[in-house]
Protein backbone atom coordinates (compact mmCIF):
# COMPACT_ATOMS: atom_id res chain seq x y z
CA MET A 1 -44.59 -20.95 -73.12
CA LYS A 2 -44.91 -24.33 -71.46
CA SER A 3 -42.92 -25.27 -68.38
CA GLY A 4 -39.51 -26.65 -69.37
CA GLU A 5 -39.77 -25.23 -72.88
CA LYS A 6 -36.74 -23.17 -73.94
CA MET A 7 -36.98 -19.83 -75.69
CA ASP A 8 -35.18 -19.63 -79.05
CA ILE A 9 -33.44 -16.27 -78.94
CA SER A 10 -31.36 -17.04 -82.05
CA ILE A 11 -28.20 -15.49 -80.65
CA LYS A 12 -25.07 -17.56 -81.15
CA PRO A 13 -21.40 -17.16 -80.26
CA SER A 14 -19.33 -16.09 -83.26
CA ASP A 15 -16.21 -17.86 -84.51
CA VAL A 16 -13.95 -14.80 -84.13
CA ASP A 17 -10.60 -15.68 -82.52
CA PHE A 18 -9.89 -13.08 -79.82
CA SER A 19 -6.90 -14.90 -78.28
CA THR A 20 -4.49 -12.11 -79.31
CA PHE A 21 -6.15 -9.94 -76.61
CA PHE A 22 -5.93 -12.46 -73.76
CA GLY A 23 -3.57 -11.38 -71.00
CA LYS A 24 -3.49 -7.74 -72.15
CA LYS A 25 -3.95 -5.35 -69.21
CA VAL A 26 -6.09 -2.21 -69.20
CA THR A 27 -3.82 0.84 -69.05
CA GLU A 28 -6.41 3.64 -69.20
CA VAL A 29 -10.13 4.33 -69.39
CA THR A 30 -11.27 7.67 -70.80
CA LEU A 31 -14.57 9.42 -71.43
CA VAL A 32 -15.75 10.23 -74.92
CA GLY A 33 -18.59 12.70 -74.47
CA ALA A 34 -21.06 12.24 -71.63
CA GLU A 35 -21.43 8.46 -71.47
CA LEU A 36 -19.23 6.85 -74.09
CA ILE A 37 -15.91 5.31 -73.11
CA ASN A 38 -12.58 4.28 -74.56
CA VAL A 39 -10.85 1.35 -72.86
CA ILE A 40 -7.14 1.34 -73.65
CA PHE A 41 -5.13 -1.81 -73.09
CA GLU A 42 -1.69 -3.06 -73.98
CA ASN A 43 -1.41 -2.98 -77.77
CA GLY A 44 -5.03 -2.04 -78.46
CA ASN A 45 -8.18 -0.27 -77.44
CA LEU A 46 -11.95 -0.45 -77.48
CA ASN A 47 -14.10 2.55 -78.45
CA VAL A 48 -17.56 2.04 -76.95
CA GLU A 49 -20.46 3.90 -78.60
CA CYS A 50 -23.37 1.83 -77.28
CA PRO A 51 -24.96 0.98 -73.93
CA TRP A 52 -22.57 -0.82 -71.60
CA ARG A 53 -22.27 -2.07 -68.06
CA LEU A 54 -19.53 -3.42 -65.84
CA ARG A 55 -20.62 -6.31 -63.63
CA ASN A 56 -19.31 -9.10 -61.50
CA ARG A 57 -21.04 -12.30 -60.44
CA ASP A 58 -23.02 -10.41 -57.80
CA GLY A 59 -24.52 -7.79 -60.11
CA ILE A 60 -23.98 -4.50 -61.91
CA LEU A 61 -21.15 -2.31 -60.62
CA VAL A 62 -21.69 0.66 -62.96
CA GLY A 63 -23.41 1.37 -66.27
CA ALA A 64 -23.64 3.89 -69.10
CA THR A 65 -26.78 5.56 -67.81
CA GLU A 66 -25.63 6.30 -64.26
CA GLN A 67 -26.81 9.61 -62.83
CA ARG A 68 -24.49 12.58 -63.12
CA GLY A 69 -22.13 12.80 -60.20
CA ILE A 70 -21.96 9.04 -59.64
CA GLY A 71 -18.43 9.08 -61.05
CA PHE A 72 -18.65 6.06 -63.30
CA LEU A 73 -15.24 6.83 -64.81
CA SER A 74 -13.54 6.52 -61.43
CA THR A 75 -15.47 3.29 -60.79
CA LEU A 76 -14.36 1.85 -64.14
CA LYS A 77 -10.75 2.78 -63.41
CA LYS A 78 -10.94 1.35 -59.89
CA TYR A 79 -12.01 -2.04 -61.20
CA LEU A 80 -10.25 -2.26 -64.59
CA LEU A 81 -6.84 -0.57 -64.45
CA GLU A 82 -3.99 -3.09 -64.66
CA ILE A 83 -6.48 -5.99 -64.91
CA PRO A 84 -5.91 -8.51 -67.74
CA ILE A 85 -8.43 -9.58 -70.35
CA THR A 86 -9.10 -13.29 -69.88
CA LYS A 87 -11.81 -13.97 -72.49
CA ILE A 88 -13.93 -12.17 -75.07
CA TYR A 89 -17.41 -13.32 -76.08
CA HIS A 90 -18.98 -12.05 -79.31
CA TYR A 91 -22.54 -12.89 -80.33
CA GLU A 92 -24.22 -12.94 -83.72
CA PRO A 93 -26.38 -11.55 -85.17
CA THR A 94 -26.72 -8.86 -82.47
CA GLU A 95 -22.97 -8.00 -82.29
CA ASP A 96 -23.13 -7.94 -78.47
CA LEU A 97 -19.68 -8.17 -76.91
CA ILE A 98 -18.63 -9.28 -73.43
CA ILE A 99 -15.06 -8.77 -72.27
CA GLU A 100 -14.05 -10.83 -69.25
CA PHE A 101 -11.34 -9.41 -67.00
CA ASN A 102 -9.41 -11.55 -64.52
CA LYS A 103 -12.22 -14.15 -64.66
CA LYS A 104 -14.19 -11.93 -62.25
CA LEU A 105 -15.40 -8.81 -64.09
CA TYR A 106 -17.44 -8.47 -67.27
CA LEU A 107 -17.81 -5.43 -69.53
CA ASP A 108 -21.05 -6.01 -71.46
CA LEU A 109 -21.69 -4.04 -74.67
CA PHE A 110 -25.23 -4.03 -76.05
CA ALA A 111 -25.68 -3.18 -79.71
CA ASP A 112 -28.79 -1.01 -79.98
CA SER A 113 -28.90 0.42 -83.50
CA THR A 114 -29.07 -0.75 -87.09
CA SER A 115 -27.73 2.58 -88.37
CA PHE A 116 -24.58 3.24 -86.35
CA GLU A 117 -21.42 1.43 -85.28
CA GLN A 118 -21.65 0.18 -81.70
CA TYR A 119 -17.95 -0.23 -80.96
CA GLN A 120 -14.56 -0.55 -82.59
CA LEU A 121 -11.96 -2.99 -81.29
CA TYR A 122 -8.37 -2.31 -82.30
CA GLU A 123 -5.30 -4.52 -82.17
CA GLY A 124 -2.52 -1.95 -82.09
CA ASP A 125 -3.49 0.61 -84.74
CA SER A 126 -5.33 -1.95 -86.88
CA LEU A 127 -9.09 -2.32 -86.76
CA PHE A 128 -9.91 -5.84 -85.52
CA LEU A 129 -13.72 -5.78 -85.21
CA ILE A 130 -16.57 -3.31 -85.68
CA GLY A 131 -19.88 -3.88 -83.93
CA LYS A 132 -22.54 -2.84 -86.46
């Protein structure tokens, strides 16, 4: 690649309108198995079944593959409980999802399979989006 030449990664933001989730605060974070999580917020939830990480502008705070005993659940709760969702970014065709909290924290979900669902986002009890 020549200097100044941009790489075409062919990943584009989707047109999904996530505004119904903006301002909703996280009320609970629970474990599903060893490394999967469920993020519960006002009038909805997110079941995460793919690699994830929580980061801020300075770097990664915690991720799905932390060593046992690191206590990633307590770290997630420390940073996310009672914090509002301020933006959601969804990318096609990879189905990657980034949830921005309080304009300071980012929960990145990385789709990593063509065979399994990566995540399910619910508005209330209704399925809003499936990452496939």
